[in-house]
Amino acid sequence: MTEIIRIIDVLFEIYFIALIIYIFMSWIPGSRETAIGEFLGKITEPYLEPFRRFIPPLGMFDLSPIVAILVLQFAKIGLIQLLIMIF
């Protein structure tokens, strides 16, 4: 069971890192048009899109990725706690 929890933890961390990299790529002009930027966009945009619909940007600042990251971290903690309780 510990292996399953560890795999889930690693997968969430990899996705977290992908989100962070994709968010920082928005600060570098043209970086999202690269192969890596397009790949990260394909795996992160479906998750970020619902947050962008409900959280409007404040001027030039888009706070929706921060909320998305917090929700991802809470989901990871909740899922791991649930698995621990079940097993």
N, C-alpha and C. Protein backbone atom coordinates (compact mmCIF):
# COMPACT_ATOMS: atom_id res chain seq x y z
N MET A 1 0.82 -1.20 0.00
CA MET A 1 0.00 0.00 0.00
C MET A 1 0.86 1.26 0.00
N THR A 2 1.96 1.19 0.69
CA THR A 2 2.85 2.35 0.73
C THR A 2 3.35 2.71 -0.65
N GLU A 3 3.53 1.71 -1.49
CA GLU A 3 4.01 1.98 -2.85
C GLU A 3 2.97 2.76 -3.65
N ILE A 4 1.70 2.40 -3.48
CA ILE A 4 0.63 3.10 -4.20
C ILE A 4 0.57 4.56 -3.75
N ILE A 5 0.66 4.79 -2.46
CA ILE A 5 0.64 6.16 -1.94
C ILE A 5 1.85 6.93 -2.46
N ARG A 6 2.98 6.29 -2.49
CA ARG A 6 4.20 6.96 -2.98
C ARG A 6 4.07 7.31 -4.46
N ILE A 7 3.49 6.40 -5.25
CA ILE A 7 3.30 6.66 -6.69
C ILE A 7 2.34 7.82 -6.88
N ILE A 8 1.25 7.84 -6.14
CA ILE A 8 0.29 8.94 -6.24
C ILE A 8 0.95 10.25 -5.85
N ASP A 9 1.74 10.24 -4.78
CA ASP A 9 2.44 11.43 -4.34
C ASP A 9 3.39 11.94 -5.42
N VAL A 10 4.13 11.04 -6.04
CA VAL A 10 5.08 11.42 -7.09
C VAL A 10 4.34 11.98 -8.30
N LEU A 11 3.23 11.37 -8.68
CA LEU A 11 2.47 11.86 -9.83
C LEU A 11 1.91 13.26 -9.57
N PHE A 12 1.41 13.49 -8.37
CA PHE A 12 0.92 14.83 -8.04
C PHE A 12 2.07 15.84 -8.05
N GLU A 13 3.24 15.45 -7.55
CA GLU A 13 4.39 16.36 -7.54
C GLU A 13 4.87 16.67 -8.96
N ILE A 14 4.87 15.68 -9.83
CA ILE A 14 5.26 15.92 -11.22
C ILE A 14 4.29 16.90 -11.89
N TYR A 15 3.00 16.71 -11.64
CA TYR A 15 2.01 17.62 -12.22
C TYR A 15 2.15 19.02 -11.63
N PHE A 16 2.43 19.11 -10.33
CA PHE A 16 2.66 20.38 -9.68
C PHE A 16 3.83 21.12 -10.33
N ILE A 17 4.91 20.41 -10.55
CA ILE A 17 6.09 21.01 -11.19
C ILE A 17 5.77 21.44 -12.61
N ALA A 18 5.00 20.63 -13.34
CA ALA A 18 4.61 21.00 -14.70
C ALA A 18 3.78 22.28 -14.69
N LEU A 19 2.87 22.41 -13.72
CA LEU A 19 2.08 23.63 -13.59
C LEU A 19 2.96 24.85 -13.32
N ILE A 20 3.88 24.70 -12.39
CA ILE A 20 4.77 25.81 -12.04
C ILE A 20 5.59 26.24 -13.25
N ILE A 21 6.16 25.29 -13.96
CA ILE A 21 6.98 25.61 -15.14
C ILE A 21 6.12 26.31 -16.19
N TYR A 22 4.92 25.79 -16.42
CA TYR A 22 4.03 26.39 -17.42
C TYR A 22 3.64 27.81 -17.03
N ILE A 23 3.38 28.03 -15.77
CA ILE A 23 3.03 29.37 -15.30
C ILE A 23 4.20 30.33 -15.49
N PHE A 24 5.40 29.90 -15.12
CA PHE A 24 6.57 30.77 -15.29
C PHE A 24 6.90 31.01 -16.76
N MET A 25 6.53 30.07 -17.61
CA MET A 25 6.78 30.25 -19.05
C MET A 25 6.00 31.44 -19.61
N SER A 26 4.91 31.81 -18.94
CA SER A 26 4.14 32.95 -19.42
C SER A 26 4.92 34.26 -19.26
N TRP A 27 5.93 34.27 -18.44
CA TRP A 27 6.74 35.47 -18.23
C TRP A 27 7.81 35.63 -19.31
N ILE A 28 8.07 34.56 -20.05
CA ILE A 28 9.12 34.59 -21.08
C ILE A 28 8.44 34.58 -22.44
N PRO A 29 8.57 35.66 -23.19
CA PRO A 29 7.89 35.73 -24.50
C PRO A 29 8.31 34.59 -25.43
N GLY A 30 7.31 33.96 -26.03
CA GLY A 30 7.56 32.92 -27.02
C GLY A 30 7.87 31.55 -26.46
N SER A 31 7.99 31.43 -25.15
CA SER A 31 8.37 30.13 -24.59
C SER A 31 7.23 29.10 -24.65
N ARG A 32 6.00 29.57 -24.65
CA ARG A 32 4.88 28.63 -24.73
C ARG A 32 4.67 28.10 -26.14
N GLU A 33 5.32 28.69 -27.11
CA GLU A 33 5.21 28.22 -28.49
C GLU A 33 6.25 27.15 -28.82
N THR A 34 7.15 26.86 -27.88
CA THR A 34 8.13 25.81 -28.09
C THR A 34 7.47 24.44 -27.92
N ALA A 35 8.18 23.39 -28.26
CA ALA A 35 7.63 22.03 -28.12
C ALA A 35 7.32 21.72 -26.66
N ILE A 36 8.19 22.12 -25.77
CA ILE A 36 7.95 21.88 -24.34
C ILE A 36 6.76 22.68 -23.86
N GLY A 37 6.67 23.95 -24.27
CA GLY A 37 5.55 24.80 -23.89
C GLY A 37 4.22 24.26 -24.38
N GLU A 38 4.20 23.76 -25.62
CA GLU A 38 2.98 23.19 -26.16
C GLU A 38 2.58 21.91 -25.43
N PHE A 39 3.57 21.08 -25.10
CA PHE A 39 3.29 19.85 -24.35
C PHE A 39 2.73 20.18 -22.97
N LEU A 40 3.38 21.11 -22.27
CA LEU A 40 2.90 21.50 -20.95
C LEU A 40 1.51 22.13 -21.04
N GLY A 41 1.25 22.88 -22.10
CA GLY A 41 -0.06 23.47 -22.29
C GLY A 41 -1.14 22.41 -22.46
N LYS A 42 -0.81 21.34 -23.19
CA LYS A 42 -1.78 20.27 -23.40
C LYS A 42 -2.14 19.54 -22.12
N ILE A 43 -1.18 19.43 -21.20
CA ILE A 43 -1.48 18.69 -19.97
C ILE A 43 -1.95 19.58 -18.83
N THR A 44 -1.68 20.89 -18.89
CA THR A 44 -2.07 21.76 -17.78
C THR A 44 -3.29 22.64 -18.08
N GLU A 45 -3.47 23.04 -19.31
CA GLU A 45 -4.60 23.93 -19.64
C GLU A 45 -5.97 23.34 -19.31
N PRO A 46 -6.21 22.04 -19.55
CA PRO A 46 -7.52 21.50 -19.17
C PRO A 46 -7.81 21.64 -17.67
N TYR A 47 -6.77 21.59 -16.85
CA TYR A 47 -6.95 21.76 -15.42
C TYR A 47 -7.10 23.24 -15.04
N LEU A 48 -6.34 24.11 -15.69
CA LEU A 48 -6.37 25.53 -15.35
C LEU A 48 -7.61 26.25 -15.88
N GLU A 49 -8.17 25.78 -16.97
CA GLU A 49 -9.29 26.46 -17.62
C GLU A 49 -10.49 26.72 -16.70
N PRO A 50 -10.98 25.73 -15.93
CA PRO A 50 -12.13 26.02 -15.06
C PRO A 50 -11.84 27.11 -14.02
N PHE A 51 -10.62 27.15 -13.54
CA PHE A 51 -10.26 28.18 -12.57
C PHE A 51 -10.24 29.56 -13.22
N ARG A 52 -9.79 29.63 -14.45
CA ARG A 52 -9.76 30.91 -15.17
C ARG A 52 -11.17 31.43 -15.48
N ARG A 53 -12.12 30.52 -15.66
CA ARG A 53 -13.49 30.93 -15.93
C ARG A 53 -14.13 31.58 -14.71
N PHE A 54 -13.78 31.11 -13.51
CA PHE A 54 -14.44 31.59 -12.30
C PHE A 54 -13.66 32.66 -11.55
N ILE A 55 -12.37 32.77 -11.81
CA ILE A 55 -11.56 33.76 -11.10
C ILE A 55 -11.02 34.75 -12.12
N PRO A 56 -11.59 35.94 -12.17
CA PRO A 56 -11.13 36.93 -13.16
C PRO A 56 -9.77 37.49 -12.78
N PRO A 57 -8.97 37.89 -13.78
CA PRO A 57 -7.68 38.50 -13.47
C PRO A 57 -7.85 39.85 -12.79
N LEU A 58 -6.92 40.18 -11.93
CA LEU A 58 -6.90 41.48 -11.27
C LEU A 58 -5.87 42.34 -12.00
N GLY A 59 -6.34 43.12 -12.94
CA GLY A 59 -5.42 43.91 -13.76
C GLY A 59 -4.59 42.98 -14.62
N MET A 60 -3.28 43.06 -14.45
CA MET A 60 -2.37 42.21 -15.22
C MET A 60 -2.11 40.87 -14.53
N PHE A 61 -2.62 40.69 -13.34
CA PHE A 61 -2.31 39.51 -12.55
C PHE A 61 -3.44 38.49 -12.61
N ASP A 62 -3.08 37.26 -12.99
CA ASP A 62 -4.03 36.16 -13.05
C ASP A 62 -3.78 35.30 -11.81
N LEU A 63 -4.70 35.35 -10.87
CA LEU A 63 -4.55 34.61 -9.62
C LEU A 63 -5.10 33.19 -9.70
N SER A 64 -5.74 32.84 -10.80
CA SER A 64 -6.34 31.51 -10.92
C SER A 64 -5.31 30.37 -10.81
N PRO A 65 -4.08 30.50 -11.32
CA PRO A 65 -3.12 29.40 -11.14
C PRO A 65 -2.77 29.16 -9.67
N ILE A 66 -2.77 30.22 -8.86
CA ILE A 66 -2.47 30.04 -7.44
C ILE A 66 -3.56 29.20 -6.78
N VAL A 67 -4.81 29.53 -7.10
CA VAL A 67 -5.93 28.76 -6.55
C VAL A 67 -5.89 27.33 -7.07
N ALA A 68 -5.55 27.15 -8.35
CA ALA A 68 -5.47 25.81 -8.93
C ALA A 68 -4.40 24.98 -8.24
N ILE A 69 -3.28 25.59 -7.92
CA ILE A 69 -2.20 24.87 -7.23
C ILE A 69 -2.63 24.51 -5.82
N LEU A 70 -3.29 25.42 -5.13
CA LEU A 70 -3.78 25.11 -3.78
C LEU A 70 -4.78 23.97 -3.80
N VAL A 71 -5.70 23.99 -4.76
CA VAL A 71 -6.68 22.90 -4.87
C VAL A 71 -5.99 21.58 -5.18
N LEU A 72 -4.98 21.62 -6.03
CA LEU A 72 -4.23 20.40 -6.36
C LEU A 72 -3.55 19.84 -5.11
N GLN A 73 -2.94 20.70 -4.32
CA GLN A 73 -2.26 20.24 -3.11
C GLN A 73 -3.26 19.68 -2.08
N PHE A 74 -4.41 20.36 -1.92
CA PHE A 74 -5.43 19.84 -1.01
C PHE A 74 -5.98 18.51 -1.50
N ALA A 75 -6.15 18.37 -2.81
CA ALA A 75 -6.64 17.11 -3.37
C ALA A 75 -5.64 15.98 -3.11
N LYS A 76 -4.36 16.29 -3.26
CA LYS A 76 -3.33 15.28 -3.00
C LYS A 76 -3.37 14.84 -1.55
N ILE A 77 -3.41 15.79 -0.65
CA ILE A 77 -3.44 15.46 0.78
C ILE A 77 -4.70 14.67 1.11
N GLY A 78 -5.85 15.12 0.59
CA GLY A 78 -7.10 14.42 0.85
C GLY A 78 -7.11 13.00 0.32
N LEU A 79 -6.61 12.82 -0.90
CA LEU A 79 -6.59 11.49 -1.49
C LEU A 79 -5.66 10.55 -0.72
N ILE A 80 -4.51 11.05 -0.33
CA ILE A 80 -3.57 10.21 0.42
C ILE A 80 -4.16 9.87 1.79
N GLN A 81 -4.79 10.83 2.46
CA GLN A 81 -5.41 10.54 3.75
C GLN A 81 -6.54 9.53 3.61
N LEU A 82 -7.32 9.66 2.54
CA LEU A 82 -8.40 8.72 2.28
C LEU A 82 -7.86 7.30 2.07
N LEU A 83 -6.79 7.20 1.29
CA LEU A 83 -6.20 5.87 1.05
C LEU A 83 -5.64 5.28 2.33
N ILE A 84 -5.05 6.12 3.16
CA ILE A 84 -4.52 5.63 4.43
C ILE A 84 -5.65 5.12 5.32
N MET A 85 -6.77 5.85 5.34
CA MET A 85 -7.91 5.43 6.16
C MET A 85 -8.54 4.13 5.63
N ILE A 86 -8.59 3.98 4.31
CA ILE A 86 -9.19 2.79 3.73
C ILE A 86 -8.35 1.56 4.00
N PHE A 87 -7.04 1.71 3.86
CA PHE A 87 -6.15 0.57 4.03
C PHE A 87 -5.47 0.67 5.37
